[in-house]
Amino acid sequence: MNDELVTVDPQPPGGRRNAGRGIYWALKNVVLGPTVRRLFRPIEVGAENVPAAGAAIVASNHLSYADWLFLPLALDRRITFVAKADYFTGAGLKGWAQKRFFAGTGQVPIDRSGGRASEGALRAGLRVLERGELFGIYPEGTRSHDGRLYKGRTGVARMALLADVPVIPSAVIGTDLIAPPGKIIHKVISPTVKFGKPLDFSRYAGMSDDRFILRSITDEIMYAIMELSGQEYVDLYAPAAKELAAKEKAADDEAETSPQA
């Protein structure tokens, strides 16, 4: 993974940050937002829990790529997200559109394989928070393959402690029915976007390197998300759960075709 891609500064020199804000405003208020609202009529709950000013992390579950549309629409403030690097490298018309949207609005690509790339995304997220802005993140690290809520990565906790900002739990409901994997739009329904009360972790100040503290904070965040979303929680990382499900399906398929079945 190219470190330059992953560590891109959401506030680059030369005025490009303002250009990104312009694209974001146009997409949300003129090009996409009004059409999406009329078509889907999203239900928004708890937006008053998001502060009108100041830095904060918005941590949400992740059911569909459509989450990127409905979460920002629910708020007056701009959210900068950690976006998986795949969204910046896709092919064809869809890949071009995704890249233009995410890059144009200042989103931060992340390589989910960890290591230096994840550190770069963390630094980029901290720069967003240092400017007093909202930073959005999906602690599961990837979309849920079966609609359940999976174990969160501790990067969200480390970022909250390093930046000394609150975490606002959030949940999207129904976006997996609108745009399941492999579908652009499968069904037109009204999704729900919820925001919970801000979570304050200032009591753990200076403990950003304590992995037990980071796990405790992350689990608290995931519990709050679970309460908002109503999802079943699974104490596994999403990629591991998906791999396990694939192996179980392969075993079932093999049993079905076995001559001794």
Protein backbone atom coordinates (compact mmCIF):
# COMPACT_ATOMS: atom_id res chain seq x y z
CA MET A 1 0.00 0.00 0.00
CA ASN A 2 1.28 3.43 -0.97
CA ASP A 3 2.00 5.45 2.21
CA GLU A 4 1.33 8.66 0.29
CA LEU A 5 -2.24 7.50 -0.35
CA VAL A 6 -2.88 6.41 3.19
CA THR A 7 -1.33 9.38 4.96
CA VAL A 8 -2.90 12.07 2.77
CA ASP A 9 -3.45 15.27 4.76
CA PRO A 10 -7.14 16.25 4.76
CA GLN A 11 -5.98 19.88 4.84
CA PRO A 12 -3.37 20.05 2.06
CA PRO A 13 -1.55 23.26 1.18
CA GLY A 14 -2.59 25.57 -1.61
CA GLY A 15 -6.24 26.09 -0.65
CA ARG A 16 -7.42 22.63 -1.66
CA ARG A 17 -9.15 22.22 1.69
CA ASN A 18 -11.60 25.00 0.74
CA ALA A 19 -12.13 23.39 -2.66
CA GLY A 20 -12.97 20.14 -0.89
CA ARG A 21 -15.46 21.95 1.30
CA GLY A 22 -17.08 23.41 -1.80
CA ILE A 23 -17.46 20.00 -3.40
CA TYR A 24 -18.82 18.58 -0.15
CA TRP A 25 -21.39 21.40 0.15
CA ALA A 26 -22.46 21.04 -3.47
CA LEU A 27 -22.86 17.27 -3.27
CA LYS A 28 -24.79 17.43 0.00
CA ASN A 29 -27.04 20.40 -0.71
CA VAL A 30 -27.42 20.53 -4.49
CA VAL A 31 -26.30 17.46 -6.42
CA LEU A 32 -27.02 14.41 -4.25
CA GLY A 33 -28.56 15.41 -0.94
CA PRO A 34 -31.97 16.73 -2.05
CA THR A 35 -32.54 13.77 -4.39
CA VAL A 36 -31.52 11.22 -1.77
CA ARG A 37 -33.81 12.84 0.80
CA ARG A 38 -36.81 12.88 -1.53
CA LEU A 39 -36.26 9.31 -2.68
CA PHE A 40 -35.44 7.60 0.62
CA ARG A 41 -36.89 9.95 3.27
CA PRO A 42 -34.32 9.00 5.93
CA ILE A 43 -35.35 9.04 9.59
CA GLU A 44 -32.89 10.92 11.80
CA VAL A 45 -32.80 10.58 15.59
CA GLY A 46 -30.58 12.28 18.16
CA ALA A 47 -28.75 14.78 15.93
CA GLU A 48 -28.88 17.19 18.88
CA ASN A 49 -26.32 14.94 20.60
CA VAL A 50 -23.69 16.07 18.10
CA PRO A 51 -22.11 19.36 19.27
CA ALA A 52 -22.64 22.34 17.00
CA ALA A 53 -18.93 23.16 17.22
CA GLY A 54 -15.71 21.57 18.40
CA ALA A 55 -13.88 18.34 17.68
CA ALA A 56 -15.52 14.96 18.19
CA ILE A 57 -15.38 11.44 16.82
CA VAL A 58 -18.56 9.95 15.33
CA ALA A 59 -18.29 6.14 15.63
CA SER A 60 -20.85 4.07 13.73
CA ASN A 61 -21.74 0.56 12.71
CA HIS A 62 -21.18 -0.23 9.03
CA LEU A 63 -23.76 -2.13 6.98
CA SER A 64 -23.41 -0.74 3.46
CA TYR A 65 -21.49 1.68 1.30
CA ALA A 66 -24.71 3.74 1.44
CA ASP A 67 -23.80 4.62 5.04
CA TRP A 68 -21.47 7.25 3.56
CA LEU A 69 -24.53 9.06 2.17
CA PHE A 70 -26.99 8.95 5.04
CA LEU A 71 -24.72 9.78 8.00
CA PRO A 72 -23.55 13.16 6.62
CA LEU A 73 -27.08 14.05 5.51
CA ALA A 74 -28.29 13.79 9.10
CA LEU A 75 -26.01 16.60 10.31
CA ASP A 76 -25.43 20.23 9.45
CA ARG A 77 -21.70 19.81 10.09
CA ARG A 78 -19.28 18.13 7.75
CA ILE A 79 -17.87 14.74 8.76
CA THR A 80 -14.50 13.57 7.49
CA PHE A 81 -14.36 9.78 7.36
CA VAL A 82 -11.72 7.11 7.34
CA ALA A 83 -12.49 5.37 4.05
CA LYS A 84 -11.01 2.04 3.05
CA ALA A 85 -8.41 2.49 0.34
CA ASP A 86 -10.45 0.32 -2.07
CA TYR A 87 -12.84 3.25 -2.53
CA PHE A 88 -9.97 5.26 -4.04
CA THR A 89 -8.65 2.57 -6.38
CA GLY A 90 -11.78 1.04 -7.97
CA ALA A 91 -12.13 0.56 -11.72
CA GLY A 92 -14.83 1.66 -14.14
CA LEU A 93 -17.50 4.30 -13.75
CA LYS A 94 -18.34 3.29 -10.18
CA GLY A 95 -14.68 3.42 -9.16
CA TRP A 96 -14.24 6.82 -10.77
CA ALA A 97 -17.34 8.19 -9.04
CA GLN A 98 -16.26 6.85 -5.64
CA LYS A 99 -12.76 8.25 -5.98
CA ARG A 100 -14.04 11.68 -7.02
CA PHE A 101 -16.54 11.78 -4.16
CA PHE A 102 -14.22 10.64 -1.39
CA ALA A 103 -11.09 12.50 -2.55
CA GLY A 104 -13.04 15.62 -3.44
CA THR A 105 -14.58 15.87 0.01
CA GLY A 106 -11.29 15.35 1.84
CA GLN A 107 -11.88 11.80 3.07
CA VAL A 108 -8.92 9.85 4.47
CA PRO A 109 -8.11 6.48 2.88
CA ILE A 110 -6.89 3.69 5.14
CA ASP A 111 -5.19 0.37 4.52
CA ARG A 112 -6.92 -2.08 6.87
CA SER A 113 -3.89 -4.37 6.93
CA GLY A 114 -2.48 -2.31 9.82
CA GLY A 115 1.10 -1.31 10.53
CA ARG A 116 2.48 1.95 9.20
CA ALA A 117 -0.56 2.54 7.00
CA SER A 118 -2.93 2.52 9.94
CA GLU A 119 -0.59 4.84 11.83
CA GLY A 120 -0.73 7.21 8.89
CA ALA A 121 -4.51 7.24 8.90
CA LEU A 122 -4.46 7.83 12.66
CA ARG A 123 -2.24 10.87 12.18
CA ALA A 124 -4.49 12.20 9.45
CA GLY A 125 -7.54 11.74 11.70
CA LEU A 126 -5.80 13.59 14.52
CA ARG A 127 -5.15 16.51 12.19
CA VAL A 128 -8.88 16.71 11.44
CA LEU A 129 -9.67 16.73 15.16
CA GLU A 130 -6.98 19.32 15.88
CA ARG A 131 -8.88 21.67 13.55
CA GLY A 132 -11.99 21.27 15.73
CA GLU A 133 -13.90 19.20 13.15
CA LEU A 134 -15.93 15.97 13.21
CA PHE A 135 -14.13 12.75 12.32
CA GLY A 136 -16.22 9.72 11.40
CA ILE A 137 -15.01 6.16 11.79
CA TYR A 138 -16.38 2.62 11.56
CA PRO A 139 -14.67 0.73 14.43
CA GLU A 140 -15.50 -2.66 12.89
CA GLY A 141 -13.10 -1.74 10.08
CA THR A 142 -15.30 -3.16 7.33
CA ARG A 143 -18.93 -3.74 6.44
CA SER A 144 -20.81 -6.44 8.32
CA HIS A 145 -21.43 -9.38 5.97
CA ASP A 146 -24.53 -10.63 7.80
CA GLY A 147 -26.04 -7.59 9.53
CA ARG A 148 -24.57 -8.38 12.97
CA LEU A 149 -22.29 -6.05 14.90
CA TYR A 150 -18.69 -7.17 15.26
CA LYS A 151 -15.79 -6.45 17.59
CA GLY A 152 -14.34 -2.95 17.27
CA ARG A 153 -10.74 -2.10 16.50
CA THR A 154 -9.04 -0.09 19.23
CA GLY A 155 -7.85 2.69 16.92
CA VAL A 156 -10.98 4.71 17.74
CA ALA A 157 -10.10 4.59 21.45
CA ARG A 158 -6.50 5.58 20.89
CA MET A 159 -7.56 8.51 18.73
CA ALA A 160 -10.08 9.70 21.33
CA LEU A 161 -7.42 9.71 24.06
CA LEU A 162 -4.69 11.32 21.98
CA ALA A 163 -6.99 14.09 20.76
CA ASP A 164 -8.87 14.37 24.09
CA VAL A 165 -12.26 14.48 22.36
CA PRO A 166 -15.64 12.82 23.03
CA VAL A 167 -16.91 9.90 20.99
CA ILE A 168 -20.47 10.09 19.69
CA PRO A 169 -21.91 6.61 19.07
CA SER A 170 -24.02 6.36 15.95
CA ALA A 171 -26.01 3.70 14.14
CA VAL A 172 -27.47 3.25 10.70
CA ILE A 173 -30.39 0.87 10.24
CA GLY A 174 -31.70 -0.43 6.93
CA THR A 175 -28.88 0.62 4.61
CA ASP A 176 -27.97 -3.03 4.02
CA LEU A 177 -31.41 -3.48 2.47
CA ILE A 178 -30.95 -0.42 0.27
CA ALA A 179 -27.50 -1.37 -1.01
CA PRO A 180 -26.32 -4.86 -0.03
CA PRO A 181 -22.88 -6.02 -1.21
CA GLY A 182 -22.71 -6.07 -4.99
CA LYS A 183 -25.77 -3.85 -5.47
CA ILE A 184 -25.90 -0.11 -6.13
CA ILE A 185 -29.57 0.26 -5.18
CA HIS A 186 -31.55 -2.88 -4.36
CA LYS A 187 -34.57 -1.50 -2.52
CA VAL A 188 -35.98 1.94 -1.74
CA ILE A 189 -36.83 2.17 1.96
CA SER A 190 -36.39 4.80 4.66
CA PRO A 191 -33.18 4.12 6.60
CA THR A 192 -32.72 5.32 10.16
CA VAL A 193 -29.69 7.23 11.42
CA LYS A 194 -29.26 7.54 15.20
CA PHE A 195 -26.81 9.48 17.36
CA GLY A 196 -26.30 8.70 21.03
CA LYS A 197 -25.03 10.81 23.92
CA PRO A 198 -21.34 11.74 23.70
CA LEU A 199 -19.01 9.38 25.57
CA ASP A 200 -16.32 11.09 27.67
CA PHE A 201 -13.10 9.15 28.22
CA SER A 202 -11.05 11.96 29.78
CA ARG A 203 -10.70 9.81 32.92
CA TYR A 204 -8.20 7.72 30.91
CA ALA A 205 -6.01 10.69 29.92
CA GLY A 206 -2.39 9.70 29.32
CA MET A 207 -3.21 5.99 28.91
CA SER A 208 -3.32 5.78 25.12
CA ASP A 209 -0.64 3.07 25.09
CA ASP A 210 -2.42 0.78 27.56
CA ARG A 211 -3.98 -1.95 25.42
CA PHE A 212 -6.35 -3.03 28.20
CA ILE A 213 -7.68 0.50 28.55
CA LEU A 214 -8.02 0.80 24.77
CA ARG A 215 -9.98 -2.45 24.65
CA SER A 216 -12.24 -1.35 27.50
CA ILE A 217 -12.99 1.98 25.80
CA THR A 218 -13.64 0.31 22.46
CA ASP A 219 -15.99 -2.22 23.99
CA GLU A 220 -17.91 0.61 25.69
CA ILE A 221 -18.26 2.35 22.34
CA MET A 222 -19.44 -0.83 20.61
CA TYR A 223 -21.99 -1.47 23.37
CA ALA A 224 -23.40 2.02 22.85
CA ILE A 225 -23.60 1.40 19.10
CA MET A 226 -25.32 -1.95 19.73
CA GLU A 227 -27.95 -0.26 21.91
CA LEU A 228 -28.67 2.24 19.14
CA SER A 229 -28.72 -0.24 16.27
CA GLY A 230 -30.40 -3.21 17.96
CA GLN A 231 -27.92 -5.54 16.25
CA GLU A 232 -26.75 -8.85 17.65
CA TYR A 233 -23.17 -8.45 18.88
CA VAL A 234 -20.48 -10.99 17.97
CA ASP A 235 -17.17 -10.96 19.85
CA LEU A 236 -15.10 -11.58 16.71
CA TYR A 237 -13.45 -9.26 14.25
CA ALA A 238 -15.57 -8.95 11.13
CA PRO A 239 -12.98 -10.32 8.64
CA ALA A 240 -12.39 -13.40 10.81
CA ALA A 241 -16.13 -13.98 11.12
CA LYS A 242 -16.59 -13.66 7.37
CA GLU A 243 -13.78 -16.13 6.72
CA LEU A 244 -15.28 -18.57 9.23
CA ALA A 245 -18.70 -18.29 7.60
CA ALA A 246 -17.15 -18.97 4.18
CA LYS A 247 -15.40 -22.09 5.48
CA GLU A 248 -18.61 -23.36 7.07
CA LYS A 249 -20.52 -22.78 3.84
CA ALA A 250 -17.83 -24.61 1.85
CA ALA A 251 -18.02 -27.54 4.27
CA ASP A 252 -21.82 -27.62 3.98
CA ASP A 253 -21.63 -27.52 0.18
CA GLU A 254 -19.08 -30.35 0.17
CA ALA A 255 -21.33 -32.42 2.44
CA GLU A 256 -24.29 -31.80 0.14
CA THR A 257 -22.42 -33.13 -2.90
CA SER A 258 -20.66 -36.01 -1.15
CA PRO A 259 -21.70 -39.43 -2.47
CA GLN A 260 -21.95 -40.59 1.15
CA ALA A 261 -24.31 -37.79 2.17
